[in-house]
Amino acid sequence: MPGAVPSLIHDAMLAYAAIGGIVALAFLLIGLDRIDPAAAGAYAFRPLLIPGLMLLWPVAIVCWVRRQGSGGRGTSMRRRHRSAHLRIWIALAVVLPAILLAAMSLRQNGPTEAAPIRLSD
């Protein structure tokens, strides 16, 4: 018989999942078209969003509420997001090759350093 704390955690997880399922259903049926006009009529990919929406339902609600109150500011918000994405892509284009080059310069000789040892027959 589980104790009080594990059953409380289990019940909290079930409640979180139930709320996430309700929010995911409402968001996919009503909210997605309002947040992203490009998603209007695209119903094939929506089931793929259900697991993420069930886990991140508080974020979906915040986005939904902010977009409802933004009025006509949607284009400036998209512009800011695109410029942020551009800066991130440029940073990744610089940082990832730098990490790869640093790893290659710092790597040791690899598996040829020590003789192999048989663990079992």
C-alpha atoms as a PDB file:
ATOM      1  CA  MET A   1       0.000   0.000   0.000  1.00  0.00           C
ATOM      2  CA  PRO A   2       1.613   3.283  -1.085  1.00  0.00           C
ATOM      3  CA  GLY A   3       2.035   6.043   1.435  1.00  0.00           C
ATOM      4  CA  ALA A   4       0.348   9.406   1.498  1.00  0.00           C
ATOM      5  CA  VAL A   5       3.053  11.311  -0.364  1.00  0.00           C
ATOM      6  CA  PRO A   6       3.299   8.972  -3.391  1.00  0.00           C
ATOM      7  CA  SER A   7      -0.470   8.865  -3.769  1.00  0.00           C
ATOM      8  CA  LEU A   8      -0.588  12.672  -3.492  1.00  0.00           C
ATOM      9  CA  ILE A   9       2.059  12.965  -6.207  1.00  0.00           C
ATOM     10  CA  HIS A  10       0.146  10.475  -8.356  1.00  0.00           C
ATOM     11  CA  ASP A  11      -3.109  12.383  -7.910  1.00  0.00           C
ATOM     12  CA  ALA A  12      -1.378  15.690  -8.726  1.00  0.00           C
ATOM     13  CA  MET A  13       0.092  14.199 -11.896  1.00  0.00           C
ATOM     14  CA  LEU A  14      -3.308  12.873 -12.951  1.00  0.00           C
ATOM     15  CA  ALA A  15      -4.906  16.264 -12.324  1.00  0.00           C
ATOM     16  CA  TYR A  16      -2.142  18.009 -14.295  1.00  0.00           C
ATOM     17  CA  ALA A  17      -2.620  15.566 -17.189  1.00  0.00           C
ATOM     18  CA  ALA A  18      -6.408  15.986 -17.115  1.00  0.00           C
ATOM     19  CA  ILE A  19      -6.137  19.767 -17.183  1.00  0.00           C
ATOM     20  CA  GLY A  20      -3.522  19.454 -19.932  1.00  0.00           C
ATOM     21  CA  GLY A  21      -5.854  17.279 -21.995  1.00  0.00           C
ATOM     22  CA  ILE A  22      -8.706  19.752 -21.671  1.00  0.00           C
ATOM     23  CA  VAL A  23      -6.458  22.716 -22.507  1.00  0.00           C
ATOM     24  CA  ALA A  24      -4.920  20.836 -25.450  1.00  0.00           C
ATOM     25  CA  LEU A  25      -8.329  20.021 -26.868  1.00  0.00           C
ATOM     26  CA  ALA A  26      -9.580  23.599 -26.471  1.00  0.00           C
ATOM     27  CA  PHE A  27      -6.358  25.070 -27.797  1.00  0.00           C
ATOM     28  CA  LEU A  28      -6.321  22.861 -30.883  1.00  0.00           C
ATOM     29  CA  LEU A  29      -9.980  23.463 -31.673  1.00  0.00           C
ATOM     30  CA  ILE A  30     -10.202  27.185 -30.888  1.00  0.00           C
ATOM     31  CA  GLY A  31      -6.916  28.812 -29.910  1.00  0.00           C
ATOM     32  CA  LEU A  32      -4.444  27.655 -32.535  1.00  0.00           C
ATOM     33  CA  ASP A  33      -6.222  29.434 -35.382  1.00  0.00           C
ATOM     34  CA  ARG A  34      -6.245  32.644 -33.358  1.00  0.00           C
ATOM     35  CA  ILE A  35      -2.596  32.482 -32.345  1.00  0.00           C
ATOM     36  CA  ASP A  36      -1.181  31.362 -35.692  1.00  0.00           C
ATOM     37  CA  PRO A  37      -3.257  32.347 -38.737  1.00  0.00           C
ATOM     38  CA  ALA A  38      -1.048  30.121 -40.921  1.00  0.00           C
ATOM     39  CA  ALA A  39      -2.398  27.080 -39.055  1.00  0.00           C
ATOM     40  CA  ALA A  40      -5.963  27.701 -40.202  1.00  0.00           C
ATOM     41  CA  GLY A  41      -7.206  24.651 -42.068  1.00  0.00           C
ATOM     42  CA  ALA A  42      -4.128  22.556 -41.312  1.00  0.00           C
ATOM     43  CA  TYR A  43      -5.590  19.694 -39.311  1.00  0.00           C
ATOM     44  CA  ALA A  44      -3.135  16.890 -40.097  1.00  0.00           C
ATOM     45  CA  PHE A  45      -0.383  18.088 -37.759  1.00  0.00           C
ATOM     46  CA  ARG A  46      -2.591  19.006 -34.803  1.00  0.00           C
ATOM     47  CA  PRO A  47      -2.580  15.556 -33.186  1.00  0.00           C
ATOM     48  CA  LEU A  48       1.205  15.794 -33.078  1.00  0.00           C
ATOM     49  CA  LEU A  49       0.882  18.819 -30.781  1.00  0.00           C
ATOM     50  CA  ILE A  50      -1.197  17.039 -28.133  1.00  0.00           C
ATOM     51  CA  PRO A  51       1.670  15.576 -26.017  1.00  0.00           C
ATOM     52  CA  GLY A  52       3.530  18.875 -25.925  1.00  0.00           C
ATOM     53  CA  LEU A  53       0.397  20.835 -25.122  1.00  0.00           C
ATOM     54  CA  MET A  54      -0.496  18.419 -22.336  1.00  0.00           C
ATOM     55  CA  LEU A  55       2.908  19.000 -20.738  1.00  0.00           C
ATOM     56  CA  LEU A  56       3.214  22.713 -21.440  1.00  0.00           C
ATOM     57  CA  TRP A  57      -0.407  23.776 -21.014  1.00  0.00           C
ATOM     58  CA  PRO A  58       0.441  26.740 -18.733  1.00  0.00           C
ATOM     59  CA  VAL A  59       2.652  28.183 -21.493  1.00  0.00           C
ATOM     60  CA  ALA A  60      -0.102  27.637 -24.069  1.00  0.00           C
ATOM     61  CA  ILE A  61      -2.592  29.476 -21.875  1.00  0.00           C
ATOM     62  CA  VAL A  62      -0.204  32.408 -21.391  1.00  0.00           C
ATOM     63  CA  CYS A  63       0.390  32.671 -25.158  1.00  0.00           C
ATOM     64  CA  TRP A  64      -3.315  32.413 -25.825  1.00  0.00           C
ATOM     65  CA  VAL A  65      -4.184  35.142 -23.305  1.00  0.00           C
ATOM     66  CA  ARG A  66      -1.404  37.461 -24.467  1.00  0.00           C
ATOM     67  CA  ARG A  67      -2.438  37.082 -28.084  1.00  0.00           C
ATOM     68  CA  GLN A  68      -6.071  37.812 -27.221  1.00  0.00           C
ATOM     69  CA  GLY A  69      -5.076  41.062 -25.521  1.00  0.00           C
ATOM     70  CA  SER A  70      -2.542  42.141 -28.138  1.00  0.00           C
ATOM     71  CA  GLY A  71      -5.147  43.482 -30.555  1.00  0.00           C
ATOM     72  CA  GLY A  72      -3.414  44.578 -33.752  1.00  0.00           C
ATOM     73  CA  ARG A  73       0.136  44.124 -32.479  1.00  0.00           C
ATOM     74  CA  GLY A  74       0.533  40.696 -34.062  1.00  0.00           C
ATOM     75  CA  THR A  75       2.746  41.837 -36.940  1.00  0.00           C
ATOM     76  CA  SER A  76       5.247  43.641 -34.701  1.00  0.00           C
ATOM     77  CA  MET A  77       5.392  40.603 -32.425  1.00  0.00           C
ATOM     78  CA  ARG A  78       6.077  38.346 -35.410  1.00  0.00           C
ATOM     79  CA  ARG A  79       8.785  40.724 -36.576  1.00  0.00           C
ATOM     80  CA  ARG A  80      10.464  40.606 -33.164  1.00  0.00           C
ATOM     81  CA  HIS A  81      10.262  36.810 -33.115  1.00  0.00           C
ATOM     82  CA  ARG A  82      11.783  36.562 -36.567  1.00  0.00           C
ATOM     83  CA  SER A  83      14.638  38.890 -35.671  1.00  0.00           C
ATOM     84  CA  ALA A  84      15.253  36.891 -32.475  1.00  0.00           C
ATOM     85  CA  HIS A  85      15.274  33.674 -34.502  1.00  0.00           C
ATOM     86  CA  LEU A  86      17.767  35.202 -36.924  1.00  0.00           C
ATOM     87  CA  ARG A  87      20.090  36.188 -34.070  1.00  0.00           C
ATOM     88  CA  ILE A  88      19.821  32.693 -32.580  1.00  0.00           C
ATOM     89  CA  TRP A  89      20.574  31.013 -35.914  1.00  0.00           C
ATOM     90  CA  ILE A  90      23.611  33.236 -36.428  1.00  0.00           C
ATOM     91  CA  ALA A  91      24.821  32.484 -32.900  1.00  0.00           C
ATOM     92  CA  LEU A  92      24.358  28.754 -33.480  1.00  0.00           C
ATOM     93  CA  ALA A  93      26.200  28.985 -36.792  1.00  0.00           C
ATOM     94  CA  VAL A  94      29.177  30.420 -34.924  1.00  0.00           C
ATOM     95  CA  VAL A  95      29.013  28.512 -31.628  1.00  0.00           C
ATOM     96  CA  LEU A  96      28.452  24.960 -32.893  1.00  0.00           C
ATOM     97  CA  PRO A  97      31.458  24.864 -35.250  1.00  0.00           C
ATOM     98  CA  ALA A  98      33.559  26.480 -32.507  1.00  0.00           C
ATOM     99  CA  ILE A  99      32.545  23.715 -30.090  1.00  0.00           C
ATOM    100  CA  LEU A 100      33.327  21.071 -32.717  1.00  0.00           C
ATOM    101  CA  LEU A 101      36.750  22.550 -33.440  1.00  0.00           C
ATOM    102  CA  ALA A 102      37.539  22.862 -29.729  1.00  0.00           C
ATOM    103  CA  ALA A 103      36.502  19.261 -29.139  1.00  0.00           C
ATOM    104  CA  MET A 104      38.639  18.047 -32.032  1.00  0.00           C
ATOM    105  CA  SER A 105      41.657  19.998 -30.836  1.00  0.00           C
ATOM    106  CA  LEU A 106      41.286  18.833 -27.229  1.00  0.00           C
ATOM    107  CA  ARG A 107      40.540  15.195 -27.940  1.00  0.00           C
ATOM    108  CA  GLN A 108      43.040  12.581 -26.999  1.00  0.00           C
ATOM    109  CA  ASN A 109      44.239   9.726 -29.139  1.00  0.00           C
ATOM    110  CA  GLY A 110      41.053   7.762 -28.656  1.00  0.00           C
ATOM    111  CA  PRO A 111      40.653   4.018 -28.230  1.00  0.00           C
ATOM    112  CA  THR A 112      44.219   3.214 -29.306  1.00  0.00           C
ATOM    113  CA  GLU A 113      45.707   4.462 -25.997  1.00  0.00           C
ATOM    114  CA  ALA A 114      45.201   1.275 -23.986  1.00  0.00           C
ATOM    115  CA  ALA A 115      45.081  -2.350 -24.957  1.00  0.00           C
ATOM    116  CA  PRO A 116      41.601  -3.885 -24.988  1.00  0.00           C
ATOM    117  CA  ILE A 117      40.535  -5.965 -21.994  1.00  0.00           C
ATOM    118  CA  ARG A 118      38.159  -8.894 -22.352  1.00  0.00           C
ATOM    119  CA  LEU A 119      35.362  -8.538 -19.791  1.00  0.00           C
ATOM    120  CA  SER A 120      33.944 -12.051 -20.025  1.00  0.00           C
ATOM    121  CA  ASP A 121      34.176 -15.191 -22.100  1.00  0.00           C
END
